[in-house]
């Protein structure tokens, strides 16, 4: 098997299945791919099958079924594109199909979705807002990672919506629809500021109860935003890096190349320099809101607390990063997988040790990256935690 195909399957199989890909489809599609160059076409073909099912359901008047099929089609088109950066023509075509299928699904979702646009710098980025029936409900901003988009976050949204929390899933700088014009930026708080400004203009959302959530590289973006944007009241971080450059050499080739493209870097050396801009070392102390961190722990790069302390000494956590990280004062919930082969679980531990505010670290001992192989360990629990931060009743 092509090494890149094998790498994609090895690192991301649980993610595909936990976020909406049928297991049989995953096995059949990946089993049919012999060359990485065929990845996008194979997944797009299976996506088209689900898109056709959606159209048939819509023609027959079954709107809920159509919505479900359109969401699944969007997910498959997204995974056709997610790290397929070596062929921009194929990648952009699959991405356009993902966006369009998801747009078609919006009115048939429960609750329905609203496509929105948020002005940022000299451009804009897209988002999807979904609201529970309650008036002026609290809102959770959801930030994707390096190769995820607002469409992929659909499966993560449901527990929060069920607890009365509105969801605003965005494609920020270097993400989704924004990635072609706006490169990845380390200072994600600028994007967060634009989003919070937008929320404050809405009369159907509670601007006093805003939280932010991020997955993978979004697990860096969310605490980074919370460190500087004080209108954010709580934060959830899933398997985010404390310092992206620190793990650069250990990342899969597909991930490094995807970062190069989405950071608009001319070569890997330039991308490596850009990676150095994504660090919580000098800002985590600014995080003052509640924070929930989820981590998994099959981490080949960090071996227990002794290694963590050695890393602290090497990277100055006892001095600079702890001093600055402590400015994170909002409640923080961190989720990490102990078996994470992409972002060592020690990064979650460093963040938890560095912030000033209330923090809960959920270490999923048998979890991989984002604990995608154990979603039941944290998805409902993180929603319960956030509902409590907002003072919502237990249900």
Protein backbone atom coordinates (compact mmCIF):
# COMPACT_ATOMS: atom_id res chain seq x y z
CA UNK A 1 0.00 0.00 0.00
CA UNK A 2 1.11 3.56 -0.72
CA UNK A 3 2.82 4.89 2.46
CA UNK A 4 0.67 8.04 2.42
CA UNK A 5 -2.53 5.99 2.20
CA UNK A 6 -1.30 3.78 5.03
CA UNK A 7 -0.43 6.87 7.09
CA UNK A 8 -3.87 8.40 6.56
CA UNK A 9 -5.61 5.19 7.61
CA UNK A 10 -3.32 4.68 10.61
CA UNK A 11 -3.69 8.18 12.00
CA UNK A 12 -7.27 9.08 11.11
CA UNK A 13 -9.50 5.99 10.90
CA UNK A 14 -11.20 6.65 14.30
CA UNK A 15 -11.77 10.27 13.33
CA UNK A 16 -13.58 9.33 10.12
CA UNK A 17 -15.89 6.87 11.85
CA UNK A 18 -16.61 8.97 14.96
CA UNK A 19 -17.42 12.01 12.81
CA UNK A 20 -19.95 10.42 10.49
CA UNK A 21 -18.32 8.04 8.01
CA UNK A 22 -19.96 4.61 7.94
CA UNK A 23 -17.46 1.91 8.93
CA UNK A 24 -18.30 -0.23 5.88
CA UNK A 25 -17.76 2.77 3.61
CA UNK A 26 -14.43 3.53 5.27
CA UNK A 27 -13.22 -0.04 4.83
CA UNK A 28 -14.44 -0.32 1.24
CA UNK A 29 -13.13 3.04 0.05
CA UNK A 30 -9.73 2.85 1.72
CA UNK A 31 -9.42 -0.80 0.68
CA UNK A 32 -9.85 0.21 -2.96
CA UNK A 33 -7.09 2.86 -2.93
CA UNK A 34 -3.63 1.75 -4.01
CA UNK A 35 -2.08 5.16 -4.71
CA UNK A 36 -2.41 8.37 -2.70
CA UNK A 37 -3.17 10.15 -5.97
CA UNK A 38 -6.49 8.25 -6.09
CA UNK A 39 -7.63 9.25 -2.59
CA UNK A 40 -9.71 12.29 -3.49
CA UNK A 41 -11.46 10.66 -6.44
CA UNK A 42 -12.34 7.52 -4.47
CA UNK A 43 -13.88 9.43 -1.58
CA UNK A 44 -15.65 11.84 -3.93
CA UNK A 45 -17.26 8.91 -5.74
CA UNK A 46 -18.64 7.51 -2.49
CA UNK A 47 -19.75 11.02 -1.48
CA UNK A 48 -21.65 11.32 -4.77
CA UNK A 49 -23.58 8.15 -3.90
CA UNK A 50 -24.79 9.72 -0.64
CA UNK A 51 -25.53 12.99 -2.43
CA UNK A 52 -27.73 11.08 -4.89
CA UNK A 53 -29.58 9.48 -1.97
CA UNK A 54 -30.22 12.96 -0.61
CA UNK A 55 -31.64 14.15 -3.91
CA UNK A 56 -33.89 11.09 -4.17
CA UNK A 57 -35.22 11.67 -0.66
CA UNK A 58 -35.85 15.33 -1.42
CA UNK A 59 -37.69 14.46 -4.63
CA UNK A 60 -39.91 12.12 -2.61
CA UNK A 61 -40.60 14.80 0.00
CA UNK A 62 -38.54 13.23 2.80
CA UNK A 63 -36.72 16.31 3.99
CA UNK A 64 -35.23 14.90 7.20
CA UNK A 65 -33.76 11.97 5.31
CA UNK A 66 -32.44 14.33 2.65
CA UNK A 67 -30.73 16.40 5.31
CA UNK A 68 -29.06 13.36 6.83
CA UNK A 69 -27.80 12.19 3.43
CA UNK A 70 -26.54 15.67 2.51
CA UNK A 71 -24.60 15.90 5.79
CA UNK A 72 -22.98 12.52 5.16
CA UNK A 73 -22.16 13.47 1.57
CA UNK A 74 -20.57 16.69 2.83
CA UNK A 75 -18.48 14.70 5.30
CA UNK A 76 -17.21 12.34 2.60
CA UNK A 77 -16.37 15.18 0.20
CA UNK A 78 -14.55 16.86 3.08
CA UNK A 79 -12.46 13.78 3.79
CA UNK A 80 -11.72 13.51 0.08
CA UNK A 81 -10.12 16.92 0.34
CA UNK A 82 -8.83 17.24 3.91
CA UNK A 83 -5.08 16.71 3.36
CA UNK A 84 -5.10 16.22 -0.42
CA UNK A 85 -3.08 19.38 -0.97
CA UNK A 86 -0.82 18.18 -3.78
CA UNK A 87 -3.64 18.54 -6.35
CA UNK A 88 -5.37 21.90 -5.77
CA UNK A 89 -7.85 21.39 -8.61
CA UNK A 90 -9.21 18.11 -7.23
CA UNK A 91 -9.03 19.39 -3.67
CA UNK A 92 -10.99 22.56 -4.37
CA UNK A 93 -13.64 20.70 -6.38
CA UNK A 94 -14.22 18.23 -3.54
CA UNK A 95 -14.27 21.09 -1.03
CA UNK A 96 -16.84 23.03 -3.06
CA UNK A 97 -19.04 19.93 -3.12
CA UNK A 98 -18.69 19.53 0.66
CA UNK A 99 -19.72 23.13 1.26
CA UNK A 100 -22.66 22.89 -1.14
CA UNK A 101 -23.99 19.60 0.26
CA UNK A 102 -23.80 20.96 3.79
CA UNK A 103 -25.54 24.17 2.70
CA UNK A 104 -28.36 22.10 1.24
CA UNK A 105 -28.66 20.19 4.52
CA UNK A 106 -29.00 23.29 6.71
CA UNK A 107 -32.80 23.81 6.53
CA UNK A 108 -33.44 20.12 7.24
CA UNK A 109 -31.28 19.85 10.35
CA UNK A 110 -32.84 19.78 13.81
CA UNK A 111 -32.30 22.54 14.80
CA UNK A 112 -31.78 24.10 11.37
CA UNK A 113 -28.56 25.86 10.43
CA UNK A 114 -27.93 29.35 9.14
CA UNK A 115 -24.97 30.16 6.93
CA UNK A 116 -23.25 33.37 8.07
CA UNK A 117 -20.31 35.49 6.97
CA UNK A 118 -18.00 37.33 9.36
CA UNK A 119 -15.76 40.17 8.20
CA UNK A 120 -12.12 39.78 9.13
CA UNK A 121 -9.23 42.04 8.20
CA UNK A 122 -9.56 42.64 4.44
CA UNK A 123 -11.63 39.53 3.85
CA UNK A 124 -14.27 37.40 5.52
CA UNK A 125 -14.81 33.87 6.68
CA UNK A 126 -17.87 31.65 6.71
CA UNK A 127 -19.68 30.03 9.59
CA UNK A 128 -22.76 27.99 10.40
CA UNK A 129 -25.01 29.02 13.28
CA UNK A 130 -27.39 26.53 14.87
CA UNK A 131 -29.62 27.54 17.77
CA UNK A 132 -31.81 25.60 20.21
CA UNK A 133 -35.40 26.87 20.64
CA UNK A 134 -34.67 28.93 23.78
CA UNK A 135 -34.40 32.69 23.37
CA UNK A 136 -31.03 34.44 23.66
CA UNK A 137 -29.19 31.24 24.46
CA UNK A 138 -25.48 31.03 25.28
CA UNK A 139 -23.22 30.36 22.32
CA UNK A 140 -20.20 28.16 21.71
CA UNK A 141 -17.76 29.14 18.96
CA UNK A 142 -16.23 26.00 17.42
CA UNK A 143 -12.78 26.25 15.81
CA UNK A 144 -11.58 23.46 13.49
CA UNK A 145 -7.99 22.26 13.32
CA UNK A 146 -5.40 22.16 10.55
CA UNK A 147 -7.31 19.87 8.20
CA UNK A 148 -10.86 19.98 9.57
CA UNK A 149 -13.57 22.45 8.59
CA UNK A 150 -16.86 23.72 9.96
CA UNK A 151 -18.66 20.90 8.12
CA UNK A 152 -16.73 18.17 9.96
CA UNK A 153 -17.74 19.61 13.33
CA UNK A 154 -21.37 18.51 12.88
CA UNK A 155 -21.01 15.42 15.08
CA UNK A 156 -19.43 17.47 17.87
CA UNK A 157 -22.32 19.96 17.90
CA UNK A 158 -25.17 17.71 18.99
CA UNK A 159 -24.39 17.35 22.74
CA UNK A 160 -24.16 21.12 23.16
CA UNK A 161 -27.34 21.86 21.21
CA UNK A 162 -29.21 19.28 23.29
CA UNK A 163 -28.24 21.20 26.44
CA UNK A 164 -29.51 24.56 25.19
CA UNK A 165 -26.26 25.99 23.81
CA UNK A 166 -26.11 27.58 20.35
CA UNK A 167 -23.25 26.56 18.06
CA UNK A 168 -21.29 28.83 15.74
CA UNK A 169 -18.88 26.65 13.74
CA UNK A 170 -16.41 28.74 11.76
CA UNK A 171 -13.78 28.44 9.06
CA UNK A 172 -11.11 30.74 10.47
CA UNK A 173 -7.77 31.77 8.96
CA UNK A 174 -6.23 28.89 7.02
CA UNK A 175 -9.36 26.77 7.51
CA UNK A 176 -12.05 25.60 5.12
CA UNK A 177 -13.45 28.29 2.88
CA UNK A 178 -10.97 30.84 4.22
CA UNK A 179 -7.84 28.79 3.55
CA UNK A 180 -7.36 29.97 -0.04
CA UNK A 181 -7.24 33.69 0.74
CA UNK A 182 -6.40 33.94 4.46
CA UNK A 183 -3.39 31.94 5.70
CA UNK A 184 -3.02 30.23 9.07
CA UNK A 185 -2.15 32.74 11.77
CA UNK A 186 -0.71 32.13 15.21
CA UNK A 187 -2.58 35.10 16.68
CA UNK A 188 -6.00 33.49 16.36
CA UNK A 189 -7.37 35.96 18.89
CA UNK A 190 -7.80 38.40 15.99
CA UNK A 191 -10.26 36.01 14.36
CA UNK A 192 -11.95 35.37 17.71
CA UNK A 193 -12.37 39.10 18.25
CA UNK A 194 -14.16 39.41 14.89
CA UNK A 195 -16.43 36.49 15.81
CA UNK A 196 -17.32 37.89 19.22
CA UNK A 197 -18.00 41.31 17.67
CA UNK A 198 -20.37 39.57 15.25
CA UNK A 199 -22.13 37.72 18.08
CA UNK A 200 -22.66 40.97 19.95
CA UNK A 201 -24.58 42.34 16.97
CA UNK A 202 -27.12 39.51 17.18
CA UNK A 203 -30.20 39.98 19.36
CA UNK A 204 -30.95 36.24 19.46
CA UNK A 205 -27.71 35.23 21.24
CA UNK A 206 -26.55 35.87 24.80
CA UNK A 207 -23.41 37.96 24.41
CA UNK A 208 -22.66 37.57 28.13
CA UNK A 209 -22.29 33.80 27.74
CA UNK A 210 -19.76 33.08 24.99
CA UNK A 211 -17.38 30.12 25.03
CA UNK A 212 -14.85 28.75 22.56
CA UNK A 213 -14.01 25.15 21.63
CA UNK A 214 -11.17 23.86 19.48
CA UNK A 215 -10.04 20.49 18.16
CA UNK A 216 -6.45 19.43 17.36
CA UNK A 217 -4.69 22.58 16.11
CA UNK A 218 -7.95 24.26 17.10
CA UNK A 219 -7.04 23.08 20.59
CA UNK A 220 -4.23 25.62 20.34
CA UNK A 221 -6.42 28.30 18.73
CA UNK A 222 -9.12 28.16 21.42
CA UNK A 223 -6.86 28.75 24.47
CA UNK A 224 -4.93 31.31 22.46
CA UNK A 225 -8.16 33.20 21.78
CA UNK A 226 -9.27 32.91 25.41
CA UNK A 227 -5.95 34.34 26.57
CA UNK A 228 -6.59 37.66 24.84
CA UNK A 229 -10.34 37.93 24.16
CA UNK A 230 -11.78 38.49 27.63
CA UNK A 231 -15.40 38.37 26.46
CA UNK A 232 -14.92 34.60 26.21
CA UNK A 233 -16.19 33.04 29.45
CA UNK A 234 -15.07 29.42 29.06
CA UNK A 235 -12.85 27.28 26.85
CA UNK A 236 -12.66 23.64 25.76
CA UNK A 237 -9.43 22.37 24.15
CA UNK A 238 -9.12 18.95 22.49
CA UNK A 239 -5.59 17.59 21.95
CA UNK A 240 -4.06 20.93 21.04
CA UNK A 241 -0.31 21.58 20.88
CA UNK A 242 1.25 23.86 23.46
CA UNK A 243 4.00 24.61 20.94
CA UNK A 244 3.49 23.53 17.32
CA UNK A 245 7.12 23.89 16.23
CA UNK A 246 8.25 21.66 19.08
CA UNK A 247 6.56 18.62 17.52
CA UNK A 248 7.11 19.60 13.87
CA UNK A 249 9.65 16.92 12.97
CA UNK A 250 7.50 14.13 14.44
CA UNK A 251 4.37 15.09 12.47
CA UNK A 252 3.28 12.96 9.49
CA UNK A 253 4.49 14.19 6.11
CA UNK A 254 0.87 14.79 5.05
CA UNK A 255 0.34 17.06 8.06
CA UNK A 256 3.51 19.09 7.47
CA UNK A 257 2.68 19.57 3.80
CA UNK A 258 -0.89 20.57 4.63
CA UNK A 259 0.42 23.18 7.07
CA UNK A 260 2.80 24.48 4.40
CA UNK A 261 -0.05 24.97 1.94
CA UNK A 262 -2.52 26.48 4.43
CA UNK A 263 0.06 28.80 5.95
CA UNK A 264 0.86 29.97 2.39
CA UNK A 265 4.54 29.10 2.91
CA UNK A 266 6.76 28.67 -0.16
CA UNK A 267 8.61 25.62 1.17
CA UNK A 268 8.94 23.43 4.24
CA UNK A 269 11.67 25.60 5.75
CA UNK A 270 9.34 28.60 5.61
CA UNK A 271 6.53 26.47 7.03
CA UNK A 272 8.79 25.40 9.89
CA UNK A 273 9.45 29.05 10.69
CA UNK A 274 5.72 29.79 10.57
CA UNK A 275 5.10 26.87 12.91
CA UNK A 276 7.21 28.70 15.47
CA UNK A 277 4.51 31.38 15.64
CA UNK A 278 1.98 28.91 17.05
CA UNK A 279 2.91 28.72 20.72
CA UNK A 280 1.12 29.28 24.01
CA UNK A 281 4.42 29.93 25.77
CA UNK A 282 3.91 33.67 25.93
CA UNK A 283 0.16 33.88 26.33
CA UNK A 284 -1.30 30.99 28.33
CA UNK A 285 -1.13 33.09 31.50
CA UNK A 286 -3.67 35.38 29.84
CA UNK A 287 -6.31 32.62 29.89
CA UNK A 288 -8.63 33.59 32.72
CA UNK A 289 -11.92 31.93 31.69
CA UNK A 290 -12.97 28.37 32.63
CA UNK A 291 -11.05 25.81 30.57
CA UNK A 292 -11.75 22.11 29.93
CA UNK A 293 -8.89 20.14 28.34
CA UNK A 294 -9.36 16.68 26.79
CA UNK A 295 -6.24 14.58 26.13
CA UNK A 296 -5.50 10.96 25.15
CA UNK A 297 -2.38 9.10 26.31
CA UNK A 298 -0.90 6.58 23.91
CA UNK A 299 1.84 9.16 23.52
CA UNK A 300 5.09 7.79 22.15
CA UNK A 301 6.90 11.10 22.70
CA UNK A 302 6.20 11.66 26.40
CA UNK A 303 6.93 9.00 28.98
CA UNK A 304 5.31 9.93 32.25
CA UNK A 305 5.85 12.78 34.61
CA UNK A 306 9.63 12.51 34.72
CA UNK A 307 9.83 13.17 31.00
CA UNK A 308 7.29 15.99 31.40
CA UNK A 309 9.51 17.66 34.00
CA UNK A 310 12.54 17.24 31.71
CA UNK A 311 10.56 18.96 28.96
CA UNK A 312 9.57 21.71 31.39
CA UNK A 313 13.22 22.33 32.15
CA UNK A 314 14.21 22.33 28.48
CA UNK A 315 11.41 24.66 27.40
CA UNK A 316 11.35 26.97 30.37
CA UNK A 317 7.88 26.09 31.60
CA UNK A 318 8.96 26.86 35.13
CA UNK A 319 9.83 30.37 34.03
CA UNK A 320 8.53 32.01 30.85
CA UNK A 321 5.68 29.74 29.79
CA UNK A 322 4.31 29.24 33.28
CA UNK A 323 4.50 32.97 33.89
CA UNK A 324 2.65 33.80 30.66
CA UNK A 325 0.42 30.73 30.58
CA UNK A 326 -0.98 31.72 33.94
CA UNK A 327 -2.77 34.64 32.32
CA UNK A 328 -5.34 32.11 31.12
CA UNK A 329 -7.94 32.67 33.83
CA UNK A 330 -11.27 31.57 32.37
CA UNK A 331 -12.50 28.05 33.22
CA UNK A 332 -10.71 25.58 30.95
CA UNK A 333 -11.59 21.97 30.08
CA UNK A 334 -8.73 20.07 28.43
CA UNK A 335 -9.21 16.70 26.70
CA UNK A 336 -6.21 14.60 25.66
CA UNK A 337 -5.52 11.02 24.61
CA UNK A 338 -2.68 9.21 26.36
CA UNK A 339 -2.04 7.25 23.14
CA UNK A 340 -1.89 10.35 20.91
CA UNK A 341 0.75 9.90 18.18
CA UNK A 342 0.30 13.39 16.72
CA UNK A 343 0.29 15.75 19.72
CA UNK A 344 1.92 14.33 22.86
CA UNK A 345 -0.39 14.30 25.86
CA UNK A 346 2.33 16.15 27.76
CA UNK A 347 1.27 19.31 25.89
CA UNK A 348 -2.14 19.14 27.57
CA UNK A 349 -0.46 18.65 30.94
CA UNK A 350 1.76 21.67 30.35
CA UNK A 351 -1.25 23.81 29.51
CA UNK A 352 -3.13 22.60 32.57
CA UNK A 353 -0.16 23.43 34.80
CA UNK A 354 0.38 26.84 33.24
CA UNK A 355 -2.99 28.59 33.37
CA UNK A 356 -4.22 30.77 36.23
CA UNK A 357 -7.93 30.01 36.21
CA UNK A 358 -10.00 26.91 37.01
CA UNK A 359 -8.91 23.95 34.90
CA UNK A 360 -10.07 20.37 34.45
CA UNK A 361 -7.86 17.93 32.54
CA UNK A 362 -9.59 14.81 31.25
CA UNK A 363 -6.89 12.34 30.24
CA UNK A 364 -8.40 9.49 28.23
CA UNK A 365 -5.90 6.76 29.01
CA UNK A 366 -6.72 4.60 25.98
CA UNK A 367 -7.48 7.54 23.70
CA UNK A 368 -5.65 8.54 20.55
CA UNK A 369 -5.56 11.97 18.95
CA UNK A 370 -8.67 13.92 20.02
CA UNK A 371 -9.70 10.65 21.72
CA UNK A 372 -11.62 9.97 18.50
CA UNK A 373 -11.51 6.27 19.32
CA UNK A 374 -13.30 6.98 22.63
CA UNK A 375 -15.74 9.86 21.89
CA UNK A 376 -18.12 8.62 24.58
CA UNK A 377 -15.46 9.42 27.19
CA UNK A 378 -15.65 13.17 26.71
CA UNK A 379 -18.24 14.53 24.25
CA UNK A 380 -21.22 14.43 26.61
CA UNK A 381 -19.07 15.25 29.62
CA UNK A 382 -17.62 18.38 28.02
CA UNK A 383 -21.14 19.55 27.13
CA UNK A 384 -22.27 18.98 30.74
CA UNK A 385 -19.26 20.96 31.95
CA UNK A 386 -20.01 23.90 29.67
CA UNK A 387 -23.71 23.91 30.56
CA UNK A 388 -22.68 24.16 34.21
CA UNK A 389 -20.38 27.09 33.43
CA UNK A 390 -23.32 28.87 31.82
CA UNK A 391 -25.60 28.09 34.78
CA UNK A 392 -27.95 25.95 32.71
CA UNK A 393 -30.06 23.34 34.53
CA UNK A 394 -28.97 19.71 34.56
CA UNK A 395 -30.96 17.56 32.15
